[in-house]
C-alpha atoms as a PDB file:
ATOM      1  CA  MET A   1      45.769 111.762  60.941  1.00  0.00           C
ATOM      2  CA  LYS A   2      48.019 108.921  61.914  1.00  0.00           C
ATOM      3  CA  ILE A   3      51.265 109.090  59.620  1.00  0.00           C
ATOM      4  CA  SER A   4      52.459 105.934  58.638  1.00  0.00           C
ATOM      5  CA  LYS A   5      55.906 104.527  59.528  1.00  0.00           C
ATOM      6  CA  PRO A   6      56.973 104.573  56.082  1.00  0.00           C
ATOM      7  CA  ARG A   7      55.648 108.016  55.501  1.00  0.00           C
ATOM      8  CA  ILE A   8      57.522 109.473  58.365  1.00  0.00           C
ATOM      9  CA  LYS A   9      60.802 107.688  57.149  1.00  0.00           C
ATOM     10  CA  ASN A  10      59.953 109.307  53.527  1.00  0.00           C
ATOM     11  CA  ILE A  11      59.567 112.829  55.265  1.00  0.00           C
ATOM     12  CA  ILE A  12      62.807 112.517  57.529  1.00  0.00           C
ATOM     13  CA  PHE A  13      64.971 111.282  54.450  1.00  0.00           C
ATOM     14  CA  LEU A  14      63.391 114.075  52.528  1.00  0.00           C
ATOM     15  CA  ILE A  15      64.189 116.493  54.913  1.00  0.00           C
ATOM     16  CA  VAL A  16      67.991 115.451  55.394  1.00  0.00           C
ATOM     17  CA  ILE A  17      68.674 115.577  51.679  1.00  0.00           C
ATOM     18  CA  GLY A  18      67.289 118.966  51.793  1.00  0.00           C
ATOM     19  CA  LEU A  19      69.446 119.784  54.266  1.00  0.00           C
ATOM     20  CA  LEU A  20      72.502 118.559  52.214  1.00  0.00           C
ATOM     21  CA  LEU A  21      71.452 120.805  49.246  1.00  0.00           C
ATOM     22  CA  ILE A  22      71.743 123.856  51.383  1.00  0.00           C
ATOM     23  CA  PRO A  23      75.483 124.876  51.198  1.00  0.00           C
ATOM     24  CA  GLN A  24      75.528 126.519  54.904  1.00  0.00           C
ATOM     25  CA  THR A  25      74.223 123.198  56.897  1.00  0.00           C
ATOM     26  CA  ARG A  26      76.027 120.580  54.397  1.00  0.00           C
ATOM     27  CA  GLN A  27      79.313 120.227  55.847  1.00  0.00           C
ATOM     28  CA  PRO A  28      78.098 120.100  59.449  1.00  0.00           C
ATOM     29  CA  ILE A  29      75.645 117.231  58.920  1.00  0.00           C
ATOM     30  CA  GLN A  30      78.631 115.350  56.899  1.00  0.00           C
ATOM     31  CA  VAL A  31      80.690 115.698  59.590  1.00  0.00           C
ATOM     32  CA  LEU A  32      78.377 114.832  61.954  1.00  0.00           C
ATOM     33  CA  LEU A  33      77.909 111.406  59.826  1.00  0.00           C
ATOM     34  CA  HIS A  34      81.364 110.796  59.450  1.00  0.00           C
ATOM     35  CA  LYS A  35      82.055 110.813  63.226  1.00  0.00           C
ATOM     36  CA  GLY A  36      79.362 107.850  63.276  1.00  0.00           C
ATOM     37  CA  LEU A  37      81.432 106.196  61.102  1.00  0.00           C
ATOM     38  CA  ALA A  38      84.649 107.522  63.129  1.00  0.00           C
ATOM     39  CA  LEU A  39      83.657 104.945  66.300  1.00  0.00           C
ATOM     40  CA  PHE A  40      85.461 102.363  64.883  1.00  0.00           C
ATOM     41  CA  SER A  41      89.622 101.927  65.440  1.00  0.00           C
ATOM     42  CA  PRO A  42      91.506 101.243  62.137  1.00  0.00           C
ATOM     43  CA  SER A  43      92.761  97.568  61.601  1.00  0.00           C
ATOM     44  CA  ILE A  44      96.160  96.445  61.708  1.00  0.00           C
ATOM     45  CA  ILE A  45      97.249  95.017  58.412  1.00  0.00           C
ATOM     46  CA  ASN A  46      98.493  91.375  58.791  1.00  0.00           C
ATOM     47  CA  GLU A  47     102.126  90.750  59.353  1.00  0.00           C
ATOM     48  CA  SER A  48     102.334  89.041  56.129  1.00  0.00           C
ATOM     49  CA  LYS A  49     101.146  91.900  53.653  1.00  0.00           C
ATOM     50  CA  GLN A  50     102.532  94.974  55.296  1.00  0.00           C
ATOM     51  CA  VAL A  51     104.463  97.403  53.146  1.00  0.00           C
ATOM     52  CA  ILE A  52     108.062  97.950  53.960  1.00  0.00           C
ATOM     53  CA  LEU A  53     109.040 101.540  53.587  1.00  0.00           C
ATOM     54  CA  SER A  54     112.114 101.850  52.031  1.00  0.00           C
ATOM     55  CA  ASP A  55     112.055 105.637  51.089  1.00  0.00           C
ATOM     56  CA  TYR A  56     112.128 108.127  53.484  1.00  0.00           C
ATOM     57  CA  ASN A  57     113.343 110.705  51.312  1.00  0.00           C
ATOM     58  CA  TRP A  58     110.335 113.730  51.742  1.00  0.00           C
ATOM     59  CA  ARG A  59     110.937 116.795  52.731  1.00  0.00           C
ATOM     60  CA  LEU A  60     108.069 118.785  54.374  1.00  0.00           C
ATOM     61  CA  GLU A  61     107.772 122.488  55.280  1.00  0.00           C
ATOM     62  CA  GLY A  62     106.187 123.680  58.516  1.00  0.00           C
ATOM     63  CA  GLU A  63     104.876 127.005  59.646  1.00  0.00           C
ATOM     64  CA  GLY A  64     107.499 129.747  59.310  1.00  0.00           C
ATOM     65  CA  GLY A  65     109.536 128.119  56.575  1.00  0.00           C
ATOM     66  CA  THR A  66     110.981 125.612  58.889  1.00  0.00           C
ATOM     67  CA  THR A  67     111.648 122.377  56.672  1.00  0.00           C
ATOM     68  CA  ILE A  68     111.936 119.059  58.223  1.00  0.00           C
ATOM     69  CA  ASN A  69     113.299 115.689  55.988  1.00  0.00           C
ATOM     70  CA  PHE A  70     111.001 112.066  56.926  1.00  0.00           C
ATOM     71  CA  GLU A  71     114.683 110.721  57.191  1.00  0.00           C
ATOM     72  CA  ASP A  72     114.423 112.159  60.545  1.00  0.00           C
ATOM     73  CA  THR A  73     111.990 109.405  61.614  1.00  0.00           C
ATOM     74  CA  LYS A  74     113.648 106.580  60.002  1.00  0.00           C
ATOM     75  CA  GLY A  75     113.804 104.064  63.419  1.00  0.00           C
ATOM     76  CA  LYS A  76     110.785 105.907  65.366  1.00  0.00           C
ATOM     77  CA  VAL A  77     107.080 104.993  64.957  1.00  0.00           C
ATOM     78  CA  VAL A  78     105.984 107.127  62.947  1.00  0.00           C
ATOM     79  CA  LEU A  79     101.921 108.781  62.977  1.00  0.00           C
ATOM     80  CA  VAL A  80     101.174 110.067  59.676  1.00  0.00           C
ATOM     81  CA  ASN A  81      98.227 111.882  58.441  1.00  0.00           C
ATOM     82  CA  PHE A  82      97.425 113.451  55.475  1.00  0.00           C
ATOM     83  CA  TRP A  83      94.247 115.672  56.055  1.00  0.00           C
ATOM     84  CA  ALA A  84      92.489 118.942  54.786  1.00  0.00           C
ATOM     85  CA  THR A  85      90.304 121.548  56.545  1.00  0.00           C
ATOM     86  CA  TRP A  86      87.509 121.410  54.302  1.00  0.00           C
ATOM     87  CA  CYS A  87      87.290 117.607  54.522  1.00  0.00           C
ATOM     88  CA  PRO A  88      84.046 116.390  56.656  1.00  0.00           C
ATOM     89  CA  PRO A  89      86.060 112.628  57.467  1.00  0.00           C
ATOM     90  CA  CYS A  90      89.201 114.768  58.195  1.00  0.00           C
ATOM     91  CA  ILE A  91      87.311 116.720  60.787  1.00  0.00           C
ATOM     92  CA  ALA A  92      85.469 114.173  61.892  1.00  0.00           C
ATOM     93  CA  GLU A  93      88.652 112.530  63.256  1.00  0.00           C
ATOM     94  CA  MET A  94      90.677 115.659  64.554  1.00  0.00           C
ATOM     95  CA  PRO A  95      89.278 115.272  68.086  1.00  0.00           C
ATOM     96  CA  SER A  96      91.092 111.126  68.206  1.00  0.00           C
ATOM     97  CA  MET A  97      94.295 112.427  66.543  1.00  0.00           C
ATOM     98  CA  GLN A  98      94.520 115.420  69.373  1.00  0.00           C
ATOM     99  CA  SER A  99      93.837 113.169  71.834  1.00  0.00           C
ATOM    100  CA  LEU A 100      96.406 110.434  70.789  1.00  0.00           C
ATOM    101  CA  TYR A 101      98.998 113.167  70.130  1.00  0.00           C
ATOM    102  CA  ASN A 102      98.435 114.753  73.669  1.00  0.00           C
ATOM    103  CA  ASP A 103      99.514 111.251  75.001  1.00  0.00           C
ATOM    104  CA  TYR A 104     102.203 110.078  72.815  1.00  0.00           C
ATOM    105  CA  GLN A 105     103.745 113.499  71.421  1.00  0.00           C
ATOM    106  CA  GLY A 106     107.257 112.825  73.017  1.00  0.00           C
ATOM    107  CA  GLU A 107     107.163 109.102  72.113  1.00  0.00           C
ATOM    108  CA  ILE A 108     106.099 108.843  68.696  1.00  0.00           C
ATOM    109  CA  ALA A 109     106.644 111.029  65.506  1.00  0.00           C
ATOM    110  CA  PHE A 110     103.409 113.081  64.082  1.00  0.00           C
ATOM    111  CA  VAL A 111     103.788 113.976  60.868  1.00  0.00           C
ATOM    112  CA  PHE A 112     100.351 116.058  59.773  1.00  0.00           C
ATOM    113  CA  VAL A 113     100.214 117.056  56.055  1.00  0.00           C
ATOM    114  CA  SER A 114      98.069 119.047  54.150  1.00  0.00           C
ATOM    115  CA  ASN A 115      98.503 120.992  50.571  1.00  0.00           C
ATOM    116  CA  GLU A 116      96.461 124.422  52.205  1.00  0.00           C
ATOM    117  CA  ALA A 117      98.533 127.367  53.276  1.00  0.00           C
ATOM    118  CA  HIS A 118      99.327 127.635  56.798  1.00  0.00           C
ATOM    119  CA  SER A 119      96.864 130.904  57.369  1.00  0.00           C
ATOM    120  CA  LYS A 120      93.865 128.809  56.990  1.00  0.00           C
ATOM    121  CA  ILE A 121      95.221 125.344  58.358  1.00  0.00           C
ATOM    122  CA  ASN A 122      96.287 127.780  61.527  1.00  0.00           C
ATOM    123  CA  LYS A 123      92.932 129.185  61.631  1.00  0.00           C
ATOM    124  CA  PHE A 124      91.381 125.953  61.765  1.00  0.00           C
ATOM    125  CA  LEU A 125      93.726 124.711  64.290  1.00  0.00           C
ATOM    126  CA  ASN A 126      92.984 127.067  66.833  1.00  0.00           C
ATOM    127  CA  GLU A 127      89.391 127.496  66.096  1.00  0.00           C
ATOM    128  CA  ASN A 128      89.139 124.000  67.342  1.00  0.00           C
ATOM    129  CA  ASN A 129      91.864 124.271  69.861  1.00  0.00           C
ATOM    130  CA  TYR A 130      94.232 121.297  68.142  1.00  0.00           C
ATOM    131  CA  SER A 131      98.077 122.146  69.289  1.00  0.00           C
ATOM    132  CA  PHE A 132      99.685 119.376  66.610  1.00  0.00           C
ATOM    133  CA  LYS A 133     101.851 120.816  63.793  1.00  0.00           C
ATOM    134  CA  VAL A 134     101.086 120.611  60.085  1.00  0.00           C
ATOM    135  CA  TYR A 135     103.490 120.222  57.256  1.00  0.00           C
ATOM    136  CA  SER A 136     103.154 120.818  53.647  1.00  0.00           C
ATOM    137  CA  PRO A 137     104.839 118.657  51.392  1.00  0.00           C
ATOM    138  CA  ILE A 138     107.959 120.309  49.457  1.00  0.00           C
ATOM    139  CA  THR A 139     109.095 117.276  47.578  1.00  0.00           C
ATOM    140  CA  ASN A 140     106.812 114.072  46.608  1.00  0.00           C
ATOM    141  CA  TYR A 141     105.956 111.661  49.685  1.00  0.00           C
ATOM    142  CA  PRO A 142     107.320 108.334  49.395  1.00  0.00           C
ATOM    143  CA  GLU A 143     105.732 106.001  46.752  1.00  0.00           C
ATOM    144  CA  SER A 144     104.643 103.470  49.518  1.00  0.00           C
ATOM    145  CA  PHE A 145     102.107 106.053  50.324  1.00  0.00           C
ATOM    146  CA  ASN A 146     100.164 106.213  47.462  1.00  0.00           C
ATOM    147  CA  VAL A 147      97.710 108.663  48.719  1.00  0.00           C
ATOM    148  CA  THR A 148      94.410 109.130  46.167  1.00  0.00           C
ATOM    149  CA  SER A 149      92.131 110.500  48.960  1.00  0.00           C
ATOM    150  CA  ILE A 150      91.718 111.503  52.277  1.00  0.00           C
ATOM    151  CA  PRO A 151      92.292 111.417  55.202  1.00  0.00           C
ATOM    152  CA  ARG A 152      94.402 108.925  54.855  1.00  0.00           C
ATOM    153  CA  THR A 153      96.240 107.512  57.540  1.00  0.00           C
ATOM    154  CA  PHE A 154      99.243 105.169  57.781  1.00  0.00           C
ATOM    155  CA  LEU A 155     100.990 104.167  61.440  1.00  0.00           C
ATOM    156  CA  ILE A 156     104.581 102.888  60.866  1.00  0.00           C
ATOM    157  CA  ASP A 157     107.144 100.938  62.853  1.00  0.00           C
ATOM    158  CA  LYS A 158     110.866 101.379  63.600  1.00  0.00           C
ATOM    159  CA  SER A 159     111.738  99.115  61.084  1.00  0.00           C
ATOM    160  CA  GLY A 160     109.311 101.247  58.579  1.00  0.00           C
ATOM    161  CA  ASN A 161     106.945  98.502  58.550  1.00  0.00           C
ATOM    162  CA  ILE A 162     103.441 100.344  57.857  1.00  0.00           C
ATOM    163  CA  VAL A 163     101.326  98.428  60.404  1.00  0.00           C
ATOM    164  CA  ILE A 164      98.508 100.655  59.522  1.00  0.00           C
ATOM    165  CA  ASP A 165      97.401 102.041  56.687  1.00  0.00           C
ATOM    166  CA  LYS A 166      93.637 103.440  56.719  1.00  0.00           C
ATOM    167  CA  ASN A 167      91.813 105.497  54.150  1.00  0.00           C
ATOM    168  CA  GLY A 168      88.864 107.939  55.551  1.00  0.00           C
ATOM    169  CA  ALA A 169      87.598 108.670  59.407  1.00  0.00           C
ATOM    170  CA  ALA A 170      88.405 106.182  62.086  1.00  0.00           C
ATOM    171  CA  ASN A 171      89.137 106.579  66.085  1.00  0.00           C
ATOM    172  CA  TRP A 172      92.769 106.945  66.289  1.00  0.00           C
ATOM    173  CA  ASN A 173      92.210 107.066  70.273  1.00  0.00           C
ATOM    174  CA  SER A 174      91.068 103.927  70.669  1.00  0.00           C
ATOM    175  CA  GLU A 175      92.282 101.187  72.904  1.00  0.00           C
ATOM    176  CA  SER A 176      93.339  98.972  70.161  1.00  0.00           C
ATOM    177  CA  VAL A 177      95.652 101.769  68.384  1.00  0.00           C
ATOM    178  CA  ARG A 178      96.964 103.000  72.029  1.00  0.00           C
ATOM    179  CA  ASN A 179      97.869  99.192  72.313  1.00  0.00           C
ATOM    180  CA  THR A 180      99.280  98.794  69.049  1.00  0.00           C
ATOM    181  CA  ILE A 181     101.254 101.762  69.686  1.00  0.00           C
ATOM    182  CA  ASP A 182     102.720 100.505  73.180  1.00  0.00           C
ATOM    183  CA  ASN A 183     103.777  97.324  71.466  1.00  0.00           C
ATOM    184  CA  LEU A 184     105.710  99.304  69.097  1.00  0.00           C
ATOM    185  CA  LEU A 185     107.198 101.191  71.525  1.00  0.00           C
ATOM    186  CA  GLN A 186     109.034  98.357  73.230  1.00  0.00           C
END
């Protein structure tokens, strides 16, 4: 008995839906789907539409109670990433974030932000061999960020212009992002 193409497509569709309904397979499948979406680079905002970050008054806490003031990043190129360990698109883009961090950690400021407990974050970082530091907000983030979903990532130039504002997973280790950062560092 030969099965028609539409029937095969329907069977595959039903299998995928079934797997998404099973809690143990839901997150890995969602991460895989978002990795496909994270193949694309984030877009650079047209200069005339860039928002200038005027408020740097934001305090964050790192592991062990160390605090940082976002004010210390003023005049630097900064990448701010809001994320969580349970978020499939966040998980999907983390390998590209780590690659970017490996190459630019001494040149630009990386501010990874999560509301989760540091014990949970550290477990996730260790399991995935990620070496960047993650901070929890102590005070409200600047209004210009207006974070309503995660992942949400901002690339800010030395003058405080938000050059990239990306909702959702992206390839942060792309040639276009690297070229943008290199140009901002000049």
